[in-house]
Amino acid sequence: MCYVYLLKSPKTGQIYAGYTEDLRRRFAEHQELRRHKGWKLVYYEAYSSREDAMERERKLKSYGSSLQKLKTRLGRSLNL
């Protein structure tokens, strides 16, 4: 299983999108990094295909409209 995830900064509201095959491990790694320490995991999507997950991450990072559409869809429930 592969995951695309969003982290949110509690201070600035900035969003970070990433991809991983081990969501728990990767989130723990982010918590060790100074720049993402304290950030919250606010959303994730699971994929059976690594290629599909990587493509989704690329779209979220490269195309502002993909991330904006996801933010709109999730909106108030996540305060995005």
N, C-alpha and C. Protein backbone atom coordinates (compact mmCIF):
# COMPACT_ATOMS: atom_id res chain seq x y z
N MET A 1 0.84 -1.17 0.00
CA MET A 1 0.00 0.00 0.00
C MET A 1 0.89 1.24 0.00
N CYS A 2 0.50 2.24 -0.75
CA CYS A 2 1.23 3.50 -0.84
C CYS A 2 0.29 4.64 -0.45
N TYR A 3 0.85 5.71 0.05
CA TYR A 3 0.04 6.80 0.58
C TYR A 3 0.51 8.15 0.05
N VAL A 4 -0.46 9.02 -0.20
CA VAL A 4 -0.22 10.43 -0.45
C VAL A 4 -0.84 11.13 0.76
N TYR A 5 -0.11 12.06 1.34
CA TYR A 5 -0.58 12.65 2.59
C TYR A 5 -0.38 14.16 2.57
N LEU A 6 -1.13 14.83 3.43
CA LEU A 6 -1.00 16.27 3.63
C LEU A 6 -0.69 16.54 5.09
N LEU A 7 0.31 17.37 5.31
CA LEU A 7 0.63 17.88 6.64
C LEU A 7 0.26 19.35 6.67
N LYS A 8 -0.13 19.83 7.82
CA LYS A 8 -0.48 21.24 7.97
C LYS A 8 0.26 21.84 9.16
N SER A 9 0.84 23.01 8.93
CA SER A 9 1.52 23.72 10.00
C SER A 9 0.49 24.38 10.91
N PRO A 10 0.56 24.13 12.21
CA PRO A 10 -0.39 24.77 13.12
C PRO A 10 -0.13 26.27 13.28
N LYS A 11 1.07 26.70 12.96
CA LYS A 11 1.42 28.12 13.13
C LYS A 11 1.05 28.95 11.91
N THR A 12 1.37 28.47 10.71
CA THR A 12 1.18 29.27 9.50
C THR A 12 0.04 28.78 8.62
N GLY A 13 -0.42 27.56 8.83
CA GLY A 13 -1.45 26.99 7.98
C GLY A 13 -0.91 26.44 6.67
N GLN A 14 0.42 26.49 6.50
CA GLN A 14 1.05 25.97 5.28
C GLN A 14 0.77 24.48 5.14
N ILE A 15 0.60 24.03 3.89
CA ILE A 15 0.32 22.63 3.58
C ILE A 15 1.54 22.00 2.91
N TYR A 16 1.87 20.78 3.31
CA TYR A 16 2.93 20.01 2.68
C TYR A 16 2.31 18.72 2.17
N ALA A 17 2.57 18.36 0.92
CA ALA A 17 2.10 17.10 0.32
C ALA A 17 3.28 16.17 0.14
N GLY A 18 3.06 14.90 0.45
CA GLY A 18 4.13 13.92 0.30
C GLY A 18 3.59 12.55 -0.10
N TYR A 19 4.51 11.65 -0.38
CA TYR A 19 4.20 10.28 -0.78
C TYR A 19 5.08 9.34 0.04
N THR A 20 4.54 8.20 0.43
CA THR A 20 5.33 7.21 1.16
C THR A 20 4.70 5.83 1.05
N GLU A 21 5.51 4.83 1.33
CA GLU A 21 5.00 3.47 1.41
C GLU A 21 4.75 3.07 2.87
N ASP A 22 5.21 3.88 3.81
CA ASP A 22 5.01 3.62 5.24
C ASP A 22 4.62 4.94 5.91
N LEU A 23 3.35 5.17 6.03
CA LEU A 23 2.84 6.46 6.52
C LEU A 23 3.27 6.75 7.95
N ARG A 24 3.20 5.77 8.81
CA ARG A 24 3.60 5.99 10.22
C ARG A 24 5.07 6.37 10.34
N ARG A 25 5.91 5.63 9.64
CA ARG A 25 7.35 5.92 9.69
C ARG A 25 7.64 7.31 9.14
N ARG A 26 7.03 7.63 8.00
CA ARG A 26 7.30 8.92 7.37
C ARG A 26 6.81 10.08 8.23
N PHE A 27 5.65 9.93 8.86
CA PHE A 27 5.15 10.98 9.73
C PHE A 27 6.11 11.17 10.91
N ALA A 28 6.61 10.08 11.47
CA ALA A 28 7.58 10.17 12.57
C ALA A 28 8.85 10.88 12.10
N GLU A 29 9.29 10.62 10.88
CA GLU A 29 10.46 11.31 10.34
C GLU A 29 10.20 12.81 10.21
N HIS A 30 9.02 13.17 9.78
CA HIS A 30 8.68 14.59 9.68
C HIS A 30 8.74 15.25 11.05
N GLN A 31 8.29 14.55 12.07
CA GLN A 31 8.28 15.12 13.42
C GLN A 31 9.69 15.34 13.95
N GLU A 32 10.65 14.61 13.42
CA GLU A 32 12.05 14.79 13.82
C GLU A 32 12.69 15.97 13.11
N LEU A 33 12.15 16.35 11.94
CA LEU A 33 12.71 17.47 11.19
C LEU A 33 12.27 18.79 11.83
N ARG A 34 13.18 19.70 11.96
CA ARG A 34 12.86 20.97 12.58
C ARG A 34 11.78 21.73 11.80
N ARG A 35 11.85 21.69 10.48
CA ARG A 35 10.91 22.48 9.70
C ARG A 35 9.49 21.92 9.70
N HIS A 36 9.30 20.65 10.04
CA HIS A 36 7.96 20.06 10.08
C HIS A 36 7.56 19.59 11.47
N LYS A 37 8.35 19.88 12.46
CA LYS A 37 8.04 19.46 13.83
C LYS A 37 6.74 20.12 14.28
N GLY A 38 5.84 19.35 14.83
CA GLY A 38 4.58 19.87 15.31
C GLY A 38 3.49 19.96 14.25
N TRP A 39 3.84 19.67 12.99
CA TRP A 39 2.84 19.71 11.92
C TRP A 39 1.88 18.54 12.13
N LYS A 40 0.66 18.70 11.71
CA LYS A 40 -0.38 17.69 11.88
C LYS A 40 -0.67 16.98 10.56
N LEU A 41 -0.88 15.68 10.65
CA LEU A 41 -1.34 14.91 9.51
C LEU A 41 -2.83 15.18 9.38
N VAL A 42 -3.25 15.83 8.30
CA VAL A 42 -4.65 16.23 8.17
C VAL A 42 -5.41 15.42 7.13
N TYR A 43 -4.68 14.69 6.27
CA TYR A 43 -5.36 13.95 5.21
C TYR A 43 -4.40 12.94 4.59
N TYR A 44 -4.96 11.81 4.17
CA TYR A 44 -4.16 10.88 3.36
C TYR A 44 -5.06 10.09 2.43
N GLU A 45 -4.48 9.61 1.36
CA GLU A 45 -5.14 8.75 0.39
C GLU A 45 -4.29 7.50 0.24
N ALA A 46 -4.92 6.33 0.15
CA ALA A 46 -4.21 5.06 -0.01
C ALA A 46 -4.32 4.58 -1.46
N TYR A 47 -3.23 4.06 -1.97
CA TYR A 47 -3.17 3.55 -3.35
C TYR A 47 -2.53 2.17 -3.33
N SER A 48 -3.03 1.28 -4.17
CA SER A 48 -2.41 -0.03 -4.29
C SER A 48 -1.21 0.02 -5.22
N SER A 49 -1.17 1.03 -6.08
CA SER A 49 -0.08 1.17 -7.05
C SER A 49 0.85 2.31 -6.64
N ARG A 50 2.13 2.01 -6.58
CA ARG A 50 3.14 3.04 -6.27
C ARG A 50 3.11 4.16 -7.31
N GLU A 51 2.98 3.77 -8.56
CA GLU A 51 2.96 4.74 -9.65
C GLU A 51 1.78 5.71 -9.52
N ASP A 52 0.61 5.19 -9.15
CA ASP A 52 -0.57 6.05 -8.98
C ASP A 52 -0.36 7.04 -7.84
N ALA A 53 0.22 6.57 -6.75
CA ALA A 53 0.47 7.45 -5.61
C ALA A 53 1.49 8.53 -5.97
N MET A 54 2.52 8.16 -6.67
CA MET A 54 3.54 9.13 -7.07
C MET A 54 2.96 10.17 -8.05
N GLU A 55 2.09 9.72 -8.94
CA GLU A 55 1.45 10.63 -9.88
C GLU A 55 0.54 11.62 -9.14
N ARG A 56 -0.20 11.13 -8.17
CA ARG A 56 -1.08 12.01 -7.39
C ARG A 56 -0.27 13.04 -6.61
N GLU A 57 0.82 12.61 -6.00
CA GLU A 57 1.69 13.55 -5.27
C GLU A 57 2.23 14.61 -6.24
N ARG A 58 2.66 14.20 -7.40
CA ARG A 58 3.20 15.12 -8.39
C ARG A 58 2.15 16.15 -8.78
N LYS A 59 0.92 15.70 -8.99
CA LYS A 59 -0.15 16.62 -9.35
C LYS A 59 -0.42 17.61 -8.22
N LEU A 60 -0.44 17.14 -6.99
CA LEU A 60 -0.69 18.04 -5.86
C LEU A 60 0.42 19.07 -5.71
N LYS A 61 1.65 18.68 -5.99
CA LYS A 61 2.78 19.60 -5.85
C LYS A 61 2.94 20.51 -7.06
N SER A 62 2.64 20.00 -8.25
CA SER A 62 2.92 20.75 -9.47
C SER A 62 1.76 21.60 -9.97
N TYR A 63 0.58 21.11 -9.77
CA TYR A 63 -0.59 21.81 -10.28
C TYR A 63 -1.35 22.44 -9.12
N GLY A 64 -1.31 23.74 -9.04
CA GLY A 64 -2.00 24.43 -7.96
C GLY A 64 -3.48 24.10 -7.91
N SER A 65 -4.06 23.83 -9.09
CA SER A 65 -5.49 23.56 -9.13
C SER A 65 -5.84 22.23 -8.46
N SER A 66 -4.96 21.24 -8.53
CA SER A 66 -5.24 19.95 -7.89
C SER A 66 -5.31 20.10 -6.39
N LEU A 67 -4.35 20.80 -5.81
CA LEU A 67 -4.35 21.02 -4.37
C LEU A 67 -5.51 21.92 -3.97
N GLN A 68 -5.79 22.92 -4.77
CA GLN A 68 -6.89 23.83 -4.47
C GLN A 68 -8.23 23.11 -4.50
N LYS A 69 -8.42 22.22 -5.47
CA LYS A 69 -9.66 21.44 -5.54
C LYS A 69 -9.81 20.54 -4.31
N LEU A 70 -8.72 19.92 -3.89
CA LEU A 70 -8.76 19.07 -2.70
C LEU A 70 -9.07 19.91 -1.48
N LYS A 71 -8.44 21.07 -1.35
CA LYS A 71 -8.72 21.97 -0.22
C LYS A 71 -10.19 22.37 -0.20
N THR A 72 -10.74 22.68 -1.36
CA THR A 72 -12.14 23.08 -1.45
C THR A 72 -13.05 21.92 -1.05
N ARG A 73 -12.71 20.74 -1.52
CA ARG A 73 -13.52 19.56 -1.22
C ARG A 73 -13.50 19.24 0.27
N LEU A 74 -12.33 19.37 0.89
CA LEU A 74 -12.20 19.04 2.30
C LEU A 74 -12.56 20.23 3.21
N GLY A 75 -12.27 21.40 2.69
CA GLY A 75 -12.60 22.68 3.30
C GLY A 75 -12.71 22.77 4.79
N ARG A 76 -13.90 23.02 5.24
CA ARG A 76 -14.14 23.33 6.64
C ARG A 76 -13.82 22.18 7.58
N SER A 77 -13.97 20.96 7.12
CA SER A 77 -13.72 19.83 8.01
C SER A 77 -12.27 19.78 8.47
N LEU A 78 -11.35 20.33 7.65
CA LEU A 78 -9.94 20.31 8.02
C LEU A 78 -9.36 21.70 8.21
N ASN A 79 -10.16 22.72 8.03
CA ASN A 79 -9.67 24.09 8.10
C ASN A 79 -8.50 24.32 7.14
N LEU A 80 -8.62 23.86 5.93
CA LEU A 80 -7.56 24.02 4.93
C LEU A 80 -7.70 25.33 4.22
